[in-house]
PDB file of N, CA and C in Angstrom:
ATOM      1  N   MET A   1       0.851  -1.177   0.000  1.00  0.00           N
ATOM      2  CA  MET A   1       0.000   0.000   0.000  1.00  0.00           C
ATOM      3  C   MET A   1       0.890   1.231   0.000  1.00  0.00           C
ATOM      4  N   SER A   2       0.609   2.139  -0.905  1.00  0.00           N
ATOM      5  CA  SER A   2       1.409   3.357  -0.961  1.00  0.00           C
ATOM      6  C   SER A   2       1.044   4.290   0.195  1.00  0.00           C
ATOM      7  N   MET A   3       1.918   5.234   0.446  1.00  0.00           N
ATOM      8  CA  MET A   3       1.711   6.170   1.548  1.00  0.00           C
ATOM      9  C   MET A   3       0.426   6.968   1.344  1.00  0.00           C
ATOM     10  N   SER A   4       0.196   7.438   0.128  1.00  0.00           N
ATOM     11  CA  SER A   4      -1.003   8.251  -0.114  1.00  0.00           C
ATOM     12  C   SER A   4      -2.279   7.439   0.041  1.00  0.00           C
ATOM     13  N   SER A   5      -2.277   6.186  -0.382  1.00  0.00           N
ATOM     14  CA  SER A   5      -3.482   5.365  -0.215  1.00  0.00           C
ATOM     15  C   SER A   5      -3.709   5.038   1.255  1.00  0.00           C
ATOM     16  N   HIS A   6      -2.619   4.895   2.013  1.00  0.00           N
ATOM     17  CA  HIS A   6      -2.742   4.655   3.451  1.00  0.00           C
ATOM     18  C   HIS A   6      -3.352   5.880   4.135  1.00  0.00           C
ATOM     19  N   VAL A   7      -2.896   7.058   3.770  1.00  0.00           N
ATOM     20  CA  VAL A   7      -3.432   8.297   4.338  1.00  0.00           C
ATOM     21  C   VAL A   7      -4.904   8.449   3.949  1.00  0.00           C
ATOM     22  N   GLN A   8      -5.246   8.122   2.718  1.00  0.00           N
ATOM     23  CA  GLN A   8      -6.647   8.200   2.286  1.00  0.00           C
ATOM     24  C   GLN A   8      -7.519   7.252   3.098  1.00  0.00           C
ATOM     25  N   GLU A   9      -7.027   6.063   3.359  1.00  0.00           N
ATOM     26  CA  GLU A   9      -7.777   5.098   4.163  1.00  0.00           C
ATOM     27  C   GLU A   9      -7.961   5.627   5.592  1.00  0.00           C
ATOM     28  N   LEU A  10      -6.922   6.219   6.152  1.00  0.00           N
ATOM     29  CA  LEU A  10      -7.038   6.800   7.486  1.00  0.00           C
ATOM     30  C   LEU A  10      -8.068   7.933   7.495  1.00  0.00           C
ATOM     31  N   ARG A  11      -8.083   8.729   6.438  1.00  0.00           N
ATOM     32  CA  ARG A  11      -9.067   9.818   6.357  1.00  0.00           C
ATOM     33  C   ARG A  11     -10.489   9.270   6.276  1.00  0.00           C
ATOM     34  N   ARG A  12     -10.662   8.166   5.532  1.00  0.00           N
ATOM     35  CA  ARG A  12     -11.993   7.545   5.454  1.00  0.00           C
ATOM     36  C   ARG A  12     -12.426   7.028   6.824  1.00  0.00           C
ATOM     37  N   LYS A  13     -11.508   6.409   7.541  1.00  0.00           N
ATOM     38  CA  LYS A  13     -11.825   5.919   8.882  1.00  0.00           C
ATOM     39  C   LYS A  13     -12.174   7.071   9.817  1.00  0.00           C
ATOM     40  N   HIS A  14     -11.419   8.165   9.720  1.00  0.00           N
ATOM     41  CA  HIS A  14     -11.661   9.338  10.549  1.00  0.00           C
ATOM     42  C   HIS A  14     -13.055   9.905  10.262  1.00  0.00           C
ATOM     43  N   GLN A  15     -13.411  10.000   8.995  1.00  0.00           N
ATOM     44  CA  GLN A  15     -14.727  10.522   8.618  1.00  0.00           C
ATOM     45  C   GLN A  15     -15.835   9.592   9.113  1.00  0.00           C
ATOM     46  N   ALA A  16     -15.638   8.290   8.985  1.00  0.00           N
ATOM     47  CA  ALA A  16     -16.640   7.329   9.452  1.00  0.00           C
ATOM     48  C   ALA A  16     -16.836   7.452  10.963  1.00  0.00           C
ATOM     49  N   LEU A  17     -15.747   7.589  11.687  1.00  0.00           N
ATOM     50  CA  LEU A  17     -15.853   7.767  13.136  1.00  0.00           C
ATOM     51  C   LEU A  17     -16.569   9.070  13.481  1.00  0.00           C
ATOM     52  N   SER A  18     -16.321  10.126  12.717  1.00  0.00           N
ATOM     53  CA  SER A  18     -17.012  11.399  12.946  1.00  0.00           C
ATOM     54  C   SER A  18     -18.517  11.219  12.818  1.00  0.00           C
ATOM     55  N   GLU A  19     -18.917  10.500  11.792  1.00  0.00           N
ATOM     56  CA  GLU A  19     -20.346  10.268  11.571  1.00  0.00           C
ATOM     57  C   GLU A  19     -20.948   9.413  12.687  1.00  0.00           C
ATOM     58  N   ILE A  20     -20.215   8.420  13.143  1.00  0.00           N
ATOM     59  CA  ILE A  20     -20.697   7.564  14.230  1.00  0.00           C
ATOM     60  C   ILE A  20     -20.833   8.369  15.511  1.00  0.00           C
ATOM     61  N   VAL A  21     -19.832   9.196  15.810  1.00  0.00           N
ATOM     62  CA  VAL A  21     -19.875  10.013  17.031  1.00  0.00           C
ATOM     63  C   VAL A  21     -21.086  10.942  16.988  1.00  0.00           C
ATOM     64  N   GLU A  22     -21.295  11.597  15.859  1.00  0.00           N
ATOM     65  CA  GLU A  22     -22.446  12.494  15.737  1.00  0.00           C
ATOM     66  C   GLU A  22     -23.757  11.749  15.956  1.00  0.00           C
ATOM     67  N   SER A  23     -23.867  10.597  15.355  1.00  0.00           N
ATOM     68  CA  SER A  23     -25.076   9.790  15.500  1.00  0.00           C
ATOM     69  C   SER A  23     -25.282   9.342  16.945  1.00  0.00           C
ATOM     70  N   GLU A  24     -24.204   8.881  17.562  1.00  0.00           N
ATOM     71  CA  GLU A  24     -24.277   8.403  18.944  1.00  0.00           C
ATOM     72  C   GLU A  24     -24.636   9.541  19.906  1.00  0.00           C
ATOM     73  N   GLN A  25     -24.132  10.736  19.636  1.00  0.00           N
ATOM     74  CA  GLN A  25     -24.416  11.875  20.512  1.00  0.00           C
ATOM     75  C   GLN A  25     -25.882  12.287  20.437  1.00  0.00           C
ATOM     76  N   ARG A  26     -26.521  12.020  19.317  1.00  0.00           N
ATOM     77  CA  ARG A  26     -27.943  12.350  19.169  1.00  0.00           C
ATOM     78  C   ARG A  26     -28.839  11.323  19.847  1.00  0.00           C
ATOM     79  N   SER A  27     -28.302  10.141  20.110  1.00  0.00           N
ATOM     80  CA  SER A  27     -29.088   9.079  20.722  1.00  0.00           C
ATOM     81  C   SER A  27     -29.072   9.230  22.245  1.00  0.00           C
ATOM     82  N   PRO A  28     -30.235   9.274  22.873  1.00  0.00           N
ATOM     83  CA  PRO A  28     -30.273   9.478  24.335  1.00  0.00           C
ATOM     84  C   PRO A  28     -29.761   8.274  25.130  1.00  0.00           C
ATOM     85  N   ALA A  29     -29.729   7.104  24.533  1.00  0.00           N
ATOM     86  CA  ALA A  29     -29.344   5.901  25.264  1.00  0.00           C
ATOM     87  C   ALA A  29     -27.854   5.564  25.128  1.00  0.00           C
ATOM     88  N   THR A  30     -27.082   6.444  24.544  1.00  0.00           N
ATOM     89  CA  THR A  30     -25.671   6.160  24.295  1.00  0.00           C
ATOM     90  C   THR A  30     -24.837   6.354  25.549  1.00  0.00           C
ATOM     91  N   ASP A  31     -23.907   5.447  25.733  1.00  0.00           N
ATOM     92  CA  ASP A  31     -22.982   5.480  26.861  1.00  0.00           C
ATOM     93  C   ASP A  31     -21.895   6.523  26.606  1.00  0.00           C
ATOM     94  N   ASP A  32     -21.689   7.408  27.561  1.00  0.00           N
ATOM     95  CA  ASP A  32     -20.671   8.454  27.417  1.00  0.00           C
ATOM     96  C   ASP A  32     -19.270   7.874  27.265  1.00  0.00           C
ATOM     97  N   LEU A  33     -19.005   6.756  27.928  1.00  0.00           N
ATOM     98  CA  LEU A  33     -17.683   6.126  27.806  1.00  0.00           C
ATOM     99  C   LEU A  33     -17.447   5.615  26.389  1.00  0.00           C
ATOM    100  N   HIS A  34     -18.502   5.144  25.753  1.00  0.00           N
ATOM    101  CA  HIS A  34     -18.389   4.670  24.367  1.00  0.00           C
ATOM    102  C   HIS A  34     -18.052   5.845  23.444  1.00  0.00           C
ATOM    103  N   ILE A  35     -18.734   6.961  23.631  1.00  0.00           N
ATOM    104  CA  ILE A  35     -18.457   8.155  22.821  1.00  0.00           C
ATOM    105  C   ILE A  35     -17.026   8.630  23.063  1.00  0.00           C
ATOM    106  N   LYS A  36     -16.604   8.606  24.306  1.00  0.00           N
ATOM    107  CA  LYS A  36     -15.237   9.028  24.642  1.00  0.00           C
ATOM    108  C   LYS A  36     -14.205   8.127  23.943  1.00  0.00           C
ATOM    109  N   ALA A  37     -14.466   6.831  23.913  1.00  0.00           N
ATOM    110  CA  ALA A  37     -13.557   5.883  23.248  1.00  0.00           C
ATOM    111  C   ALA A  37     -13.514   6.143  21.744  1.00  0.00           C
ATOM    112  N   LEU A  38     -14.668   6.425  21.150  1.00  0.00           N
ATOM    113  CA  LEU A  38     -14.707   6.734  19.722  1.00  0.00           C
ATOM    114  C   LEU A  38     -13.921   8.000  19.413  1.00  0.00           C
ATOM    115  N   LYS A  39     -14.073   9.008  20.253  1.00  0.00           N
ATOM    116  CA  LYS A  39     -13.343  10.262  20.058  1.00  0.00           C
ATOM    117  C   LYS A  39     -11.841  10.059  20.203  1.00  0.00           C
ATOM    118  N   LYS A  40     -11.449   9.179  21.105  1.00  0.00           N
ATOM    119  CA  LYS A  40     -10.029   8.892  21.290  1.00  0.00           C
ATOM    120  C   LYS A  40      -9.462   8.210  20.045  1.00  0.00           C
ATOM    121  N   GLN A  41     -10.228   7.263  19.474  1.00  0.00           N
ATOM    122  CA  GLN A  41      -9.810   6.608  18.231  1.00  0.00           C
ATOM    123  C   GLN A  41      -9.659   7.635  17.116  1.00  0.00           C
ATOM    124  N   LYS A  42     -10.626   8.540  17.050  1.00  0.00           N
ATOM    125  CA  LYS A  42     -10.609   9.579  16.037  1.00  0.00           C
ATOM    126  C   LYS A  42      -9.357  10.445  16.159  1.00  0.00           C
ATOM    127  N   LEU A  43      -9.023  10.822  17.391  1.00  0.00           N
ATOM    128  CA  LEU A  43      -7.836  11.634  17.634  1.00  0.00           C
ATOM    129  C   LEU A  43      -6.562  10.883  17.239  1.00  0.00           C
ATOM    130  N   GLN A  44      -6.494   9.606  17.577  1.00  0.00           N
ATOM    131  CA  GLN A  44      -5.315   8.818  17.222  1.00  0.00           C
ATOM    132  C   GLN A  44      -5.135   8.736  15.708  1.00  0.00           C
ATOM    133  N   ILE A  45      -6.233   8.579  14.996  1.00  0.00           N
ATOM    134  CA  ILE A  45      -6.164   8.529  13.535  1.00  0.00           C
ATOM    135  C   ILE A  45      -5.718   9.883  12.987  1.00  0.00           C
ATOM    136  N   LYS A  46      -6.262  10.953  13.548  1.00  0.00           N
ATOM    137  CA  LYS A  46      -5.869  12.297  13.109  1.00  0.00           C
ATOM    138  C   LYS A  46      -4.375  12.515  13.312  1.00  0.00           C
ATOM    139  N   GLN A  47      -3.857  12.064  14.445  1.00  0.00           N
ATOM    140  CA  GLN A  47      -2.427  12.207  14.723  1.00  0.00           C
ATOM    141  C   GLN A  47      -1.591  11.390  13.741  1.00  0.00           C
ATOM    142  N   GLN A  48      -2.069  10.205  13.386  1.00  0.00           N
ATOM    143  CA  GLN A  48      -1.358   9.385  12.396  1.00  0.00           C
ATOM    144  C   GLN A  48      -1.328  10.099  11.048  1.00  0.00           C
ATOM    145  N   ILE A  49      -2.453  10.664  10.653  1.00  0.00           N
ATOM    146  CA  ILE A  49      -2.532  11.381   9.377  1.00  0.00           C
ATOM    147  C   ILE A  49      -1.533  12.541   9.376  1.00  0.00           C
ATOM    148  N   GLU A  50      -1.499  13.288  10.477  1.00  0.00           N
ATOM    149  CA  GLU A  50      -0.579  14.426  10.554  1.00  0.00           C
ATOM    150  C   GLU A  50       0.875  13.970  10.501  1.00  0.00           C
ATOM    151  N   ARG A  51       1.201  12.882  11.200  1.00  0.00           N
ATOM    152  CA  ARG A  51       2.580  12.377  11.167  1.00  0.00           C
ATOM    153  C   ARG A  51       2.964  11.932   9.764  1.00  0.00           C
ATOM    154  N   LEU A  52       2.065  11.228   9.091  1.00  0.00           N
ATOM    155  CA  LEU A  52       2.360  10.739   7.751  1.00  0.00           C
ATOM    156  C   LEU A  52       2.400  11.871   6.743  1.00  0.00           C
ATOM    157  N   GLY A  53       1.620  12.905   6.980  1.00  0.00           N
ATOM    158  CA  GLY A  53       1.622  14.059   6.079  1.00  0.00           C
ATOM    159  C   GLY A  53       2.915  14.840   6.150  1.00  0.00           C
ATOM    160  N   ASN A  54       3.577  14.762   7.299  1.00  0.00           N
ATOM    161  CA  ASN A  54       4.838  15.477   7.476  1.00  0.00           C
ATOM    162  C   ASN A  54       6.045  14.616   7.134  1.00  0.00           C
ATOM    163  N   ALA A  55       5.804  13.351   6.846  1.00  0.00           N
ATOM    164  CA  ALA A  55       6.923  12.446   6.564  1.00  0.00           C
ATOM    165  C   ALA A  55       7.437  12.603   5.149  1.00  0.00           C
TER     166      ALA A  55
END
C-alpha cells in the first residue's frame, strides 16, 4: 500500500468515526464512555494522518 493510499484510508476511517460520534451523541441511550472511546480513536487517527503528512 502506498503512503497516499494509506493516508486516504485513514481519512476515510476518521470521517466514518465522525459520523458515528455524531449519531451516537444524538441518541439518548448512548454510553458516554463509548463516545469518549470513539473520540479517542478519532484523535489517534488524526495524529497518524498528521505524522504521515509530514513524513
